Amino acid sequence: MTASVSKTFKEICLQIEQRHEMNFLEIGLDGNHVHFLIQGIPNHAPKKIIGAVKSITAKEIFRLHPEVKQQLWGGKFWTSGYYVNTVGQYANEDVIRKYLQNQGKSDYEMLHSGQLKLF
């Protein structure tokens, strides 16, 4: 992602946060993929949260940066796969945050870091 697209991507995520009951604790780039640490309310399944984020970010990036679609394999912003972990018995926020920052072979670029909120 270019710096301009990265900035737009972060802004879109923070707009999602305003409209939906979720909080982006961290947004980071690692090579050709994105890592999120998202706080959601218990009655929103992780699949629903990821679906909303992927759908809205793709539509808005393509609308605001139409050149991106032409640079992508098959013109798709996201692949169908994703990995989700939740805070609970085996992981807390710090463990998951460190996991995100230690992924991939390229340098991790943090676009956003936030704090837990009460909804």
PDB file of N, CA and C in Angstrom:
ATOM      1  N   MET A   1       0.842  -1.188   0.000  1.00  0.00           N
ATOM      2  CA  MET A   1       0.000   0.000   0.000  1.00  0.00           C
ATOM      3  C   MET A   1       0.875   1.234   0.000  1.00  0.00           C
ATOM      4  N   THR A   2       0.445   2.202  -0.763  1.00  0.00           N
ATOM      5  CA  THR A   2       1.137   3.482  -0.727  1.00  0.00           C
ATOM      6  C   THR A   2       0.775   4.206   0.566  1.00  0.00           C
ATOM      7  N   ALA A   3       1.528   5.243   0.895  1.00  0.00           N
ATOM      8  CA  ALA A   3       1.246   6.009   2.109  1.00  0.00           C
ATOM      9  C   ALA A   3      -0.151   6.622   2.053  1.00  0.00           C
ATOM     10  N   SER A   4      -0.560   7.062   0.882  1.00  0.00           N
ATOM     11  CA  SER A   4      -1.880   7.663   0.720  1.00  0.00           C
ATOM     12  C   SER A   4      -2.996   6.641   0.951  1.00  0.00           C
ATOM     13  N   VAL A   5      -2.837   5.457   0.386  1.00  0.00           N
ATOM     14  CA  VAL A   5      -3.837   4.404   0.561  1.00  0.00           C
ATOM     15  C   VAL A   5      -3.848   3.942   2.019  1.00  0.00           C
ATOM     16  N   SER A   6      -2.680   3.825   2.643  1.00  0.00           N
ATOM     17  CA  SER A   6      -2.606   3.428   4.051  1.00  0.00           C
ATOM     18  C   SER A   6      -3.340   4.416   4.940  1.00  0.00           C
ATOM     19  N   LYS A   7      -3.143   5.707   4.667  1.00  0.00           N
ATOM     20  CA  LYS A   7      -3.820   6.748   5.448  1.00  0.00           C
ATOM     21  C   LYS A   7      -5.330   6.643   5.271  1.00  0.00           C
ATOM     22  N   THR A   8      -5.773   6.477   4.036  1.00  0.00           N
ATOM     23  CA  THR A   8      -7.206   6.322   3.758  1.00  0.00           C
ATOM     24  C   THR A   8      -7.752   5.081   4.443  1.00  0.00           C
ATOM     25  N   PHE A   9      -7.011   3.969   4.386  1.00  0.00           N
ATOM     26  CA  PHE A   9      -7.433   2.723   5.015  1.00  0.00           C
ATOM     27  C   PHE A   9      -7.664   2.931   6.511  1.00  0.00           C
ATOM     28  N   LYS A  10      -6.724   3.579   7.172  1.00  0.00           N
ATOM     29  CA  LYS A  10      -6.864   3.864   8.609  1.00  0.00           C
ATOM     30  C   LYS A  10      -8.097   4.727   8.868  1.00  0.00           C
ATOM     31  N   GLU A  11      -8.283   5.775   8.073  1.00  0.00           N
ATOM     32  CA  GLU A  11      -9.433   6.668   8.252  1.00  0.00           C
ATOM     33  C   GLU A  11     -10.753   5.912   8.080  1.00  0.00           C
ATOM     34  N   ILE A  12     -10.814   5.011   7.099  1.00  0.00           N
ATOM     35  CA  ILE A  12     -12.020   4.213   6.880  1.00  0.00           C
ATOM     36  C   ILE A  12     -12.302   3.360   8.108  1.00  0.00           C
ATOM     37  N   CYS A  13     -11.270   2.719   8.639  1.00  0.00           N
ATOM     38  CA  CYS A  13     -11.448   1.870   9.826  1.00  0.00           C
ATOM     39  C   CYS A  13     -11.965   2.688  11.006  1.00  0.00           C
ATOM     40  N   LEU A  14     -11.426   3.882  11.193  1.00  0.00           N
ATOM     41  CA  LEU A  14     -11.878   4.714  12.308  1.00  0.00           C
ATOM     42  C   LEU A  14     -13.299   5.222  12.093  1.00  0.00           C
ATOM     43  N   GLN A  15     -13.724   5.372  10.829  1.00  0.00           N
ATOM     44  CA  GLN A  15     -15.119   5.713  10.548  1.00  0.00           C
ATOM     45  C   GLN A  15     -16.034   4.527  10.851  1.00  0.00           C
ATOM     46  N   ILE A  16     -15.564   3.327  10.549  1.00  0.00           N
ATOM     47  CA  ILE A  16     -16.331   2.116  10.889  1.00  0.00           C
ATOM     48  C   ILE A  16     -16.542   2.077  12.390  1.00  0.00           C
ATOM     49  N   GLU A  17     -15.501   2.381  13.122  1.00  0.00           N
ATOM     50  CA  GLU A  17     -15.559   2.399  14.588  1.00  0.00           C
ATOM     51  C   GLU A  17     -16.654   3.352  15.081  1.00  0.00           C
ATOM     52  N   GLN A  18     -16.810   4.477  14.409  1.00  0.00           N
ATOM     53  CA  GLN A  18     -17.816   5.458  14.802  1.00  0.00           C
ATOM     54  C   GLN A  18     -19.242   4.964  14.569  1.00  0.00           C
ATOM     55  N   ARG A  19     -19.435   4.165  13.495  1.00  0.00           N
ATOM     56  CA  ARG A  19     -20.783   3.743  13.100  1.00  0.00           C
ATOM     57  C   ARG A  19     -21.199   2.397  13.673  1.00  0.00           C
ATOM     58  N   HIS A  20     -20.238   1.588  14.063  1.00  0.00           N
ATOM     59  CA  HIS A  20     -20.530   0.240  14.550  1.00  0.00           C
ATOM     60  C   HIS A  20     -19.971   0.075  15.953  1.00  0.00           C
ATOM     61  N   GLU A  21     -20.486  -0.890  16.663  1.00  0.00           N
ATOM     62  CA  GLU A  21     -20.040  -1.101  18.030  1.00  0.00           C
ATOM     63  C   GLU A  21     -18.766  -1.943  18.046  1.00  0.00           C
ATOM     64  N   MET A  22     -17.665  -1.298  17.631  1.00  0.00           N
ATOM     65  CA  MET A  22     -16.358  -1.944  17.669  1.00  0.00           C
ATOM     66  C   MET A  22     -15.311  -0.859  17.845  1.00  0.00           C
ATOM     67  N   ASN A  23     -14.145  -1.280  18.318  1.00  0.00           N
ATOM     68  CA  ASN A  23     -13.058  -0.365  18.601  1.00  0.00           C
ATOM     69  C   ASN A  23     -11.775  -0.970  18.046  1.00  0.00           C
ATOM     70  N   PHE A  24     -11.101  -0.250  17.166  1.00  0.00           N
ATOM     71  CA  PHE A  24      -9.832  -0.719  16.613  1.00  0.00           C
ATOM     72  C   PHE A  24      -8.718  -0.389  17.598  1.00  0.00           C
ATOM     73  N   LEU A  25      -8.229  -1.411  18.287  1.00  0.00           N
ATOM     74  CA  LEU A  25      -7.132  -1.220  19.233  1.00  0.00           C
ATOM     75  C   LEU A  25      -5.799  -1.136  18.507  1.00  0.00           C
ATOM     76  N   GLU A  26      -5.697  -1.826  17.378  1.00  0.00           N
ATOM     77  CA  GLU A  26      -4.496  -1.735  16.573  1.00  0.00           C
ATOM     78  C   GLU A  26      -4.817  -2.080  15.123  1.00  0.00           C
ATOM     79  N   ILE A  27      -4.220  -1.327  14.221  1.00  0.00           N
ATOM     80  CA  ILE A  27      -4.292  -1.595  12.783  1.00  0.00           C
ATOM     81  C   ILE A  27      -2.852  -1.589  12.308  1.00  0.00           C
ATOM     82  N   GLY A  28      -2.438  -2.669  11.669  1.00  0.00           N
ATOM     83  CA  GLY A  28      -1.061  -2.740  11.213  1.00  0.00           C
ATOM     84  C   GLY A  28      -0.936  -3.427   9.873  1.00  0.00           C
ATOM     85  N   LEU A  29       0.097  -3.059   9.149  1.00  0.00           N
ATOM     86  CA  LEU A  29       0.391  -3.658   7.852  1.00  0.00           C
ATOM     87  C   LEU A  29       1.643  -4.507   7.981  1.00  0.00           C
ATOM     88  N   ASP A  30       1.633  -5.632   7.298  1.00  0.00           N
ATOM     89  CA  ASP A  30       2.791  -6.517   7.288  1.00  0.00           C
ATOM     90  C   ASP A  30       2.908  -7.101   5.892  1.00  0.00           C
ATOM     91  N   GLY A  31       3.727  -6.479   5.065  1.00  0.00           N
ATOM     92  CA  GLY A  31       3.870  -6.969   3.696  1.00  0.00           C
ATOM     93  C   GLY A  31       2.574  -6.807   2.933  1.00  0.00           C
ATOM     94  N   ASN A  32       1.993  -7.938   2.522  1.00  0.00           N
ATOM     95  CA  ASN A  32       0.776  -7.883   1.710  1.00  0.00           C
ATOM     96  C   ASN A  32      -0.478  -8.229   2.501  1.00  0.00           C
ATOM     97  N   HIS A  33      -0.438  -8.071   3.817  1.00  0.00           N
ATOM     98  CA  HIS A  33      -1.655  -8.315   4.583  1.00  0.00           C
ATOM     99  C   HIS A  33      -1.779  -7.340   5.754  1.00  0.00           C
ATOM    100  N   VAL A  34      -2.969  -7.349   6.368  1.00  0.00           N
ATOM    101  CA  VAL A  34      -3.324  -6.412   7.426  1.00  0.00           C
ATOM    102  C   VAL A  34      -3.608  -7.190   8.699  1.00  0.00           C
ATOM    103  N   HIS A  35      -3.230  -6.600   9.814  1.00  0.00           N
ATOM    104  CA  HIS A  35      -3.548  -7.176  11.124  1.00  0.00           C
ATOM    105  C   HIS A  35      -4.420  -6.178  11.889  1.00  0.00           C
ATOM    106  N   PHE A  36      -5.436  -6.703  12.535  1.00  0.00           N
ATOM    107  CA  PHE A  36      -6.306  -5.885  13.364  1.00  0.00           C
ATOM    108  C   PHE A  36      -6.354  -6.470  14.773  1.00  0.00           C
ATOM    109  N   LEU A  37      -6.447  -5.599  15.749  1.00  0.00           N
ATOM    110  CA  LEU A  37      -6.832  -5.976  17.096  1.00  0.00           C
ATOM    111  C   LEU A  37      -8.088  -5.158  17.353  1.00  0.00           C
ATOM    112  N   ILE A  38      -9.228  -5.848  17.370  1.00  0.00           N
ATOM    113  CA  ILE A  38     -10.523  -5.177  17.427  1.00  0.00           C
ATOM    114  C   ILE A  38     -11.266  -5.598  18.687  1.00  0.00           C
ATOM    115  N   GLN A  39     -11.817  -4.626  19.375  1.00  0.00           N
ATOM    116  CA  GLN A  39     -12.684  -4.874  20.514  1.00  0.00           C
ATOM    117  C   GLN A  39     -14.118  -4.765  20.020  1.00  0.00           C
ATOM    118  N   GLY A  40     -14.899  -5.792  20.273  1.00  0.00           N
ATOM    119  CA  GLY A  40     -16.303  -5.772  19.887  1.00  0.00           C
ATOM    120  C   GLY A  40     -17.182  -6.104  21.069  1.00  0.00           C
ATOM    121  N   ILE A  41     -18.466  -5.913  20.904  1.00  0.00           N
ATOM    122  CA  ILE A  41     -19.389  -6.272  21.979  1.00  0.00           C
ATOM    123  C   ILE A  41     -19.703  -7.763  21.877  1.00  0.00           C
ATOM    124  N   PRO A  42     -20.028  -8.391  22.994  1.00  0.00           N
ATOM    125  CA  PRO A  42     -20.191  -9.847  23.010  1.00  0.00           C
ATOM    126  C   PRO A  42     -21.249 -10.414  22.072  1.00  0.00           C
ATOM    127  N   ASN A  43     -22.286  -9.650  21.747  1.00  0.00           N
ATOM    128  CA  ASN A  43     -23.323 -10.227  20.886  1.00  0.00           C
ATOM    129  C   ASN A  43     -23.015 -10.096  19.395  1.00  0.00           C
ATOM    130  N   HIS A  44     -21.826  -9.579  19.036  1.00  0.00           N
ATOM    131  CA  HIS A  44     -21.381  -9.556  17.638  1.00  0.00           C
ATOM    132  C   HIS A  44     -20.329 -10.639  17.455  1.00  0.00           C
ATOM    133  N   ALA A  45     -20.652 -11.615  16.657  1.00  0.00           N
ATOM    134  CA  ALA A  45     -19.717 -12.708  16.394  1.00  0.00           C
ATOM    135  C   ALA A  45     -18.499 -12.181  15.644  1.00  0.00           C
ATOM    136  N   PRO A  46     -17.315 -12.751  15.911  1.00  0.00           N
ATOM    137  CA  PRO A  46     -16.115 -12.331  15.175  1.00  0.00           C
ATOM    138  C   PRO A  46     -16.305 -12.370  13.661  1.00  0.00           C
ATOM    139  N   LYS A  47     -17.014 -13.367  13.151  1.00  0.00           N
ATOM    140  CA  LYS A  47     -17.254 -13.466  11.705  1.00  0.00           C
ATOM    141  C   LYS A  47     -18.021 -12.250  11.189  1.00  0.00           C
ATOM    142  N   LYS A  48     -19.000 -11.785  11.952  1.00  0.00           N
ATOM    143  CA  LYS A  48     -19.785 -10.613  11.558  1.00  0.00           C
ATOM    144  C   LYS A  48     -18.909  -9.362  11.555  1.00  0.00           C
ATOM    145  N   ILE A  49     -18.048  -9.217  12.544  1.00  0.00           N
ATOM    146  CA  ILE A  49     -17.158  -8.061  12.635  1.00  0.00           C
ATOM    147  C   ILE A  49     -16.193  -8.049  11.449  1.00  0.00           C
ATOM    148  N   ILE A  50     -15.557  -9.183  11.181  1.00  0.00           N
ATOM    149  CA  ILE A  50     -14.599  -9.268  10.078  1.00  0.00           C
ATOM    150  C   ILE A  50     -15.303  -9.013   8.743  1.00  0.00           C
ATOM    151  N   GLY A  51     -16.484  -9.585   8.572  1.00  0.00           N
ATOM    152  CA  GLY A  51     -17.244  -9.374   7.337  1.00  0.00           C
ATOM    153  C   GLY A  51     -17.537  -7.899   7.099  1.00  0.00           C
ATOM    154  N   ALA A  52     -17.936  -7.195   8.137  1.00  0.00           N
ATOM    155  CA  ALA A  52     -18.236  -5.768   8.004  1.00  0.00           C
ATOM    156  C   ALA A  52     -16.976  -4.978   7.663  1.00  0.00           C
ATOM    157  N   VAL A  53     -15.889  -5.260   8.354  1.00  0.00           N
ATOM    158  CA  VAL A  53     -14.641  -4.535   8.116  1.00  0.00           C
ATOM    159  C   VAL A  53     -14.141  -4.780   6.692  1.00  0.00           C
ATOM    160  N   LYS A  54     -14.127  -6.039   6.267  1.00  0.00           N
ATOM    161  CA  LYS A  54     -13.628  -6.352   4.930  1.00  0.00           C
ATOM    162  C   LYS A  54     -14.509  -5.723   3.843  1.00  0.00           C
ATOM    163  N   SER A  55     -15.804  -5.799   4.000  1.00  0.00           N
ATOM    164  CA  SER A  55     -16.728  -5.267   3.000  1.00  0.00           C
ATOM    165  C   SER A  55     -16.603  -3.745   2.876  1.00  0.00           C
ATOM    166  N   ILE A  56     -16.663  -3.063   3.983  1.00  0.00           N
ATOM    167  CA  ILE A  56     -16.647  -1.595   3.966  1.00  0.00           C
ATOM    168  C   ILE A  56     -15.296  -1.066   3.501  1.00  0.00           C
ATOM    169  N   THR A  57     -14.201  -1.651   3.997  1.00  0.00           N
ATOM    170  CA  THR A  57     -12.888  -1.137   3.598  1.00  0.00           C
ATOM    171  C   THR A  57     -12.647  -1.339   2.107  1.00  0.00           C
ATOM    172  N   ALA A  58     -13.013  -2.490   1.575  1.00  0.00           N
ATOM    173  CA  ALA A  58     -12.808  -2.742   0.141  1.00  0.00           C
ATOM    174  C   ALA A  58     -13.601  -1.752  -0.706  1.00  0.00           C
ATOM    175  N   LYS A  59     -14.877  -1.577  -0.404  1.00  0.00           N
ATOM    176  CA  LYS A  59     -15.713  -0.656  -1.179  1.00  0.00           C
ATOM    177  C   LYS A  59     -15.176   0.768  -1.146  1.00  0.00           C
ATOM    178  N   GLU A  60     -14.773   1.211   0.036  1.00  0.00           N
ATOM    179  CA  GLU A  60     -14.302   2.580   0.173  1.00  0.00           C
ATOM    180  C   GLU A  60     -12.925   2.791  -0.453  1.00  0.00           C
ATOM    181  N   ILE A  61     -12.024   1.840  -0.314  1.00  0.00           N
ATOM    182  CA  ILE A  61     -10.707   1.974  -0.961  1.00  0.00           C
ATOM    183  C   ILE A  61     -10.882   2.046  -2.468  1.00  0.00           C
ATOM    184  N   PHE A  62     -11.714   1.184  -3.034  1.00  0.00           N
ATOM    185  CA  PHE A  62     -11.934   1.202  -4.483  1.00  0.00           C
ATOM    186  C   PHE A  62     -12.610   2.494  -4.929  1.00  0.00           C
ATOM    187  N   ARG A  63     -13.480   3.035  -4.104  1.00  0.00           N
ATOM    188  CA  ARG A  63     -14.154   4.295  -4.446  1.00  0.00           C
ATOM    189  C   ARG A  63     -13.173   5.467  -4.389  1.00  0.00           C
ATOM    190  N   LEU A  64     -12.355   5.509  -3.349  1.00  0.00           N
ATOM    191  CA  LEU A  64     -11.453   6.642  -3.142  1.00  0.00           C
ATOM    192  C   LEU A  64     -10.113   6.509  -3.874  1.00  0.00           C
ATOM    193  N   HIS A  65      -9.711   5.268  -4.159  1.00  0.00           N
ATOM    194  CA  HIS A  65      -8.443   4.998  -4.855  1.00  0.00           C
ATOM    195  C   HIS A  65      -8.700   3.950  -5.945  1.00  0.00           C
ATOM    196  N   PRO A  66      -9.377   4.313  -7.020  1.00  0.00           N
ATOM    197  CA  PRO A  66      -9.727   3.334  -8.057  1.00  0.00           C
ATOM    198  C   PRO A  66      -8.516   2.647  -8.684  1.00  0.00           C
ATOM    199  N   GLU A  67      -7.361   3.260  -8.613  1.00  0.00           N
ATOM    200  CA  GLU A  67      -6.148   2.652  -9.172  1.00  0.00           C
ATOM    201  C   GLU A  67      -5.755   1.366  -8.443  1.00  0.00           C
ATOM    202  N   VAL A  68      -6.174   1.226  -7.203  1.00  0.00           N
ATOM    203  CA  VAL A  68      -5.815   0.045  -6.413  1.00  0.00           C
ATOM    204  C   VAL A  68      -6.402  -1.224  -7.026  1.00  0.00           C
ATOM    205  N   LYS A  69      -7.634  -1.156  -7.484  1.00  0.00           N
ATOM    206  CA  LYS A  69      -8.295  -2.345  -8.042  1.00  0.00           C
ATOM    207  C   LYS A  69      -7.518  -2.910  -9.227  1.00  0.00           C
ATOM    208  N   GLN A  70      -6.923  -2.065 -10.017  1.00  0.00           N
ATOM    209  CA  GLN A  70      -6.173  -2.512 -11.191  1.00  0.00           C
ATOM    210  C   GLN A  70      -4.841  -3.153 -10.812  1.00  0.00           C
ATOM    211  N   GLN A  71      -4.336  -2.854  -9.625  1.00  0.00           N
ATOM    212  CA  GLN A  71      -3.051  -3.390  -9.178  1.00  0.00           C
ATOM    213  C   GLN A  71      -3.187  -4.746  -8.493  1.00  0.00           C
ATOM    214  N   LEU A  72      -4.399  -5.168  -8.206  1.00  0.00           N
ATOM    215  CA  LEU A  72      -4.628  -6.387  -7.428  1.00  0.00           C
ATOM    216  C   LEU A  72      -4.889  -7.591  -8.322  1.00  0.00           C
ATOM    217  N   TRP A  73      -4.461  -8.747  -7.862  1.00  0.00           N
ATOM    218  CA  TRP A  73      -4.710 -10.014  -8.533  1.00  0.00           C
ATOM    219  C   TRP A  73      -6.208 -10.272  -8.539  1.00  0.00           C
ATOM    220  N   GLY A  74      -6.819 -10.328  -9.687  1.00  0.00           N
ATOM    221  CA  GLY A  74      -8.252 -10.583  -9.788  1.00  0.00           C
ATOM    222  C   GLY A  74      -9.108  -9.414  -9.364  1.00  0.00           C
ATOM    223  N   GLY A  75      -8.510  -8.269  -9.043  1.00  0.00           N
ATOM    224  CA  GLY A  75      -9.272  -7.081  -8.673  1.00  0.00           C
ATOM    225  C   GLY A  75      -9.954  -7.156  -7.327  1.00  0.00           C
ATOM    226  N   LYS A  76      -9.530  -8.073  -6.464  1.00  0.00           N
ATOM    227  CA  LYS A  76     -10.145  -8.209  -5.135  1.00  0.00           C
ATOM    228  C   LYS A  76      -9.200  -7.661  -4.076  1.00  0.00           C
ATOM    229  N   PHE A  77      -9.759  -6.871  -3.152  1.00  0.00           N
ATOM    230  CA  PHE A  77      -8.962  -6.267  -2.082  1.00  0.00           C
ATOM    231  C   PHE A  77      -8.619  -7.291  -1.009  1.00  0.00           C
ATOM    232  N   TRP A  78      -9.568  -8.149  -0.677  1.00  0.00           N
ATOM    233  CA  TRP A  78      -9.388  -9.160   0.365  1.00  0.00           C
ATOM    234  C   TRP A  78      -9.481 -10.560  -0.223  1.00  0.00           C
ATOM    235  N   THR A  79      -8.777 -11.505   0.383  1.00  0.00           N
ATOM    236  CA  THR A  79      -8.990 -12.912   0.071  1.00  0.00           C
ATOM    237  C   THR A  79     -10.149 -13.401   0.920  1.00  0.00           C
ATOM    238  N   SER A  80     -10.589 -14.622   0.702  1.00  0.00           N
ATOM    239  CA  SER A  80     -11.716 -15.140   1.478  1.00  0.00           C
ATOM    240  C   SER A  80     -11.292 -15.584   2.884  1.00  0.00           C
ATOM    241  N   GLY A  81     -10.035 -15.780   3.114  1.00  0.00           N
ATOM    242  CA  GLY A  81      -9.577 -16.290   4.405  1.00  0.00           C
ATOM    243  C   GLY A  81      -9.225 -15.205   5.405  1.00  0.00           C
ATOM    244  N   TYR A  82      -9.198 -15.612   6.665  1.00  0.00           N
ATOM    245  CA  TYR A  82      -8.744 -14.746   7.746  1.00  0.00           C
ATOM    246  C   TYR A  82      -8.508 -15.609   8.975  1.00  0.00           C
ATOM    247  N   TYR A  83      -7.776 -15.063   9.931  1.00  0.00           N
ATOM    248  CA  TYR A  83      -7.532 -15.743  11.201  1.00  0.00           C
ATOM    249  C   TYR A  83      -8.102 -14.869  12.296  1.00  0.00           C
ATOM    250  N   VAL A  84      -8.829 -15.475  13.224  1.00  0.00           N
ATOM    251  CA  VAL A  84      -9.414 -14.750  14.344  1.00  0.00           C
ATOM    252  C   VAL A  84      -9.023 -15.456  15.632  1.00  0.00           C
ATOM    253  N   ASN A  85      -8.651 -14.679  16.622  1.00  0.00           N
ATOM    254  CA  ASN A  85      -8.432 -15.184  17.968  1.00  0.00           C
ATOM    255  C   ASN A  85      -9.152 -14.234  18.907  1.00  0.00           C
ATOM    256  N   THR A  86      -9.647 -14.753  19.990  1.00  0.00           N
ATOM    257  CA  THR A  86     -10.362 -13.921  20.942  1.00  0.00           C
ATOM    258  C   THR A  86      -9.641 -13.920  22.286  1.00  0.00           C
ATOM    259  N   VAL A  87      -9.857 -12.858  23.034  1.00  0.00           N
ATOM    260  CA  VAL A  87      -9.294 -12.764  24.371  1.00  0.00           C
ATOM    261  C   VAL A  87     -10.077 -13.716  25.259  1.00  0.00           C
ATOM    262  N   GLY A  88      -9.365 -14.502  26.028  1.00  0.00           N
ATOM    263  CA  GLY A  88     -10.029 -15.457  26.899  1.00  0.00           C
ATOM    264  C   GLY A  88      -9.029 -16.256  27.694  1.00  0.00           C
ATOM    265  N   GLN A  89      -9.311 -17.530  27.876  1.00  0.00           N
ATOM    266  CA  GLN A  89      -8.503 -18.411  28.711  1.00  0.00           C
ATOM    267  C   GLN A  89      -7.053 -18.500  28.243  1.00  0.00           C
ATOM    268  N   TYR A  90      -6.817 -18.531  26.938  1.00  0.00           N
ATOM    269  CA  TYR A  90      -5.472 -18.777  26.430  1.00  0.00           C
ATOM    270  C   TYR A  90      -4.736 -17.533  25.943  1.00  0.00           C
ATOM    271  N   ALA A  91      -5.391 -16.408  25.855  1.00  0.00           N
ATOM    272  CA  ALA A  91      -4.714 -15.204  25.361  1.00  0.00           C
ATOM    273  C   ALA A  91      -5.374 -13.957  25.936  1.00  0.00           C
ATOM    274  N   ASN A  92      -4.542 -12.974  26.253  1.00  0.00           N
ATOM    275  CA  ASN A  92      -5.069 -11.680  26.659  1.00  0.00           C
ATOM    276  C   ASN A  92      -4.688 -10.647  25.603  1.00  0.00           C
ATOM    277  N   GLU A  93      -5.066  -9.407  25.814  1.00  0.00           N
ATOM    278  CA  GLU A  93      -4.813  -8.374  24.805  1.00  0.00           C
ATOM    279  C   GLU A  93      -3.328  -8.257  24.492  1.00  0.00           C
ATOM    280  N   ASP A  94      -2.468  -8.283  25.498  1.00  0.00           N
ATOM    281  CA  ASP A  94      -1.025  -8.134  25.258  1.00  0.00           C
ATOM    282  C   ASP A  94      -0.461  -9.283  24.434  1.00  0.00           C
ATOM    283  N   VAL A  95      -0.891 -10.511  24.706  1.00  0.00           N
ATOM    284  CA  VAL A  95      -0.417 -11.677  23.958  1.00  0.00           C
ATOM    285  C   VAL A  95      -0.807 -11.552  22.486  1.00  0.00           C
ATOM    286  N   ILE A  96      -2.063 -11.179  22.225  1.00  0.00           N
ATOM    287  CA  ILE A  96      -2.531 -11.049  20.849  1.00  0.00           C
ATOM    288  C   ILE A  96      -1.834  -9.883  20.155  1.00  0.00           C
ATOM    289  N   ARG A  97      -1.639  -8.772  20.850  1.00  0.00           N
ATOM    290  CA  ARG A  97      -0.945  -7.613  20.266  1.00  0.00           C
ATOM    291  C   ARG A  97       0.490  -7.992  19.869  1.00  0.00           C
ATOM    292  N   LYS A  98       1.199  -8.714  20.726  1.00  0.00           N
ATOM    293  CA  LYS A  98       2.563  -9.148  20.412  1.00  0.00           C
ATOM    294  C   LYS A  98       2.574 -10.125  19.243  1.00  0.00           C
ATOM    295  N   TYR A  99       1.578 -11.001  19.180  1.00  0.00           N
ATOM    296  CA  TYR A  99       1.457 -11.929  18.057  1.00  0.00           C
ATOM    297  C   TYR A  99       1.342 -11.156  16.743  1.00  0.00           C
ATOM    298  N   LEU A 100       0.491 -10.145  16.736  1.00  0.00           N
ATOM    299  CA  LEU A 100       0.292  -9.344  15.517  1.00  0.00           C
ATOM    300  C   LEU A 100       1.597  -8.697  15.068  1.00  0.00           C
ATOM    301  N   GLN A 101       2.326  -8.147  16.015  1.00  0.00           N
ATOM    302  CA  GLN A 101       3.530  -7.404  15.682  1.00  0.00           C
ATOM    303  C   GLN A 101       4.691  -8.303  15.276  1.00  0.00           C
ATOM    304  N   ASN A 102       4.596  -9.595  15.545  1.00  0.00           N
ATOM    305  CA  ASN A 102       5.676 -10.519  15.214  1.00  0.00           C
ATOM    306  C   ASN A 102       5.365 -11.397  14.009  1.00  0.00           C
ATOM    307  N   GLN A 103       4.381 -11.015  13.214  1.00  0.00           N
ATOM    308  CA  GLN A 103       3.993 -11.804  12.056  1.00  0.00           C
ATOM    309  C   GLN A 103       4.782 -11.432  10.815  1.00  0.00           C
ATOM    310  N   GLY A 104       4.909 -12.380   9.915  1.00  0.00           N
ATOM    311  CA  GLY A 104       5.454 -12.115   8.594  1.00  0.00           C
ATOM    312  C   GLY A 104       6.950 -11.888   8.566  1.00  0.00           C
ATOM    313  N   LYS A 105       7.459 -11.739   7.367  1.00  0.00           N
ATOM    314  CA  LYS A 105       8.885 -11.552   7.159  1.00  0.00           C
ATOM    315  C   LYS A 105       9.257 -10.098   6.943  1.00  0.00           C
ATOM    316  N   SER A 106       8.293  -9.279   6.603  1.00  0.00           N
ATOM    317  CA  SER A 106       8.589  -7.872   6.369  1.00  0.00           C
ATOM    318  C   SER A 106       8.360  -7.080   7.653  1.00  0.00           C
ATOM    319  N   ASP A 107       8.670  -5.819   7.600  1.00  0.00           N
ATOM    320  CA  ASP A 107       8.518  -4.965   8.772  1.00  0.00           C
ATOM    321  C   ASP A 107       7.051  -4.673   9.033  1.00  0.00           C
ATOM    322  N   TYR A 108       6.686  -4.735  10.295  1.00  0.00           N
ATOM    323  CA  TYR A 108       5.323  -4.426  10.715  1.00  0.00           C
ATOM    324  C   TYR A 108       5.193  -2.914  10.820  1.00  0.00           C
ATOM    325  N   GLU A 109       4.207  -2.359  10.149  1.00  0.00           N
ATOM    326  CA  GLU A 109       3.956  -0.924  10.214  1.00  0.00           C
ATOM    327  C   GLU A 109       2.642  -0.688  10.936  1.00  0.00           C
ATOM    328  N   MET A 110       2.703  -0.100  12.115  1.00  0.00           N
ATOM    329  CA  MET A 110       1.495   0.191  12.867  1.00  0.00           C
ATOM    330  C   MET A 110       0.866   1.462  12.316  1.00  0.00           C
ATOM    331  N   LEU A 111      -0.366   1.352  11.861  1.00  0.00           N
ATOM    332  CA  LEU A 111      -1.095   2.515  11.354  1.00  0.00           C
ATOM    333  C   LEU A 111      -1.871   3.215  12.452  1.00  0.00           C
ATOM    334  N   HIS A 112      -2.289   2.447  13.464  1.00  0.00           N
ATOM    335  CA  HIS A 112      -3.147   2.990  14.507  1.00  0.00           C
ATOM    336  C   HIS A 112      -3.002   2.171  15.775  1.00  0.00           C
ATOM    337  N   SER A 113      -3.006   2.839  16.898  1.00  0.00           N
ATOM    338  CA  SER A 113      -3.022   2.162  18.194  1.00  0.00           C
ATOM    339  C   SER A 113      -4.018   2.904  19.081  1.00  0.00           C
ATOM    340  N   GLY A 114      -4.967   2.159  19.631  1.00  0.00           N
ATOM    341  CA  GLY A 114      -5.991   2.755  20.470  1.00  0.00           C
ATOM    342  C   GLY A 114      -6.056   2.068  21.815  1.00  0.00           C
ATOM    343  N   GLN A 115      -7.056   2.404  22.596  1.00  0.00           N
ATOM    344  CA  GLN A 115      -7.229   1.846  23.933  1.00  0.00           C
ATOM    345  C   GLN A 115      -8.601   1.209  24.062  1.00  0.00           C
ATOM    346  N   LEU A 116      -8.707   0.252  24.985  1.00  0.00           N
ATOM    347  CA  LEU A 116      -9.998  -0.382  25.259  1.00  0.00           C
ATOM    348  C   LEU A 116     -11.006   0.682  25.674  1.00  0.00           C
ATOM    349  N   LYS A 117     -12.276   0.468  25.303  1.00  0.00           N
ATOM    350  CA  LYS A 117     -13.347   1.393  25.652  1.00  0.00           C
ATOM    351  C   LYS A 117     -14.488   0.633  26.293  1.00  0.00           C
ATOM    352  N   LEU A 118     -15.274   1.337  27.059  1.00  0.00           N
ATOM    353  CA  LEU A 118     -16.549   0.799  27.524  1.00  0.00           C
ATOM    354  C   LEU A 118     -17.600   1.320  26.565  1.00  0.00           C
ATOM    355  N   PHE A 119     -18.445   0.435  26.053  1.00  0.00           N
ATOM    356  CA  PHE A 119     -19.439   0.858  25.078  1.00  0.00           C
ATOM    357  C   PHE A 119     -20.643   1.462  25.754  1.00  0.00           C
TER     358      PHE A 119
END
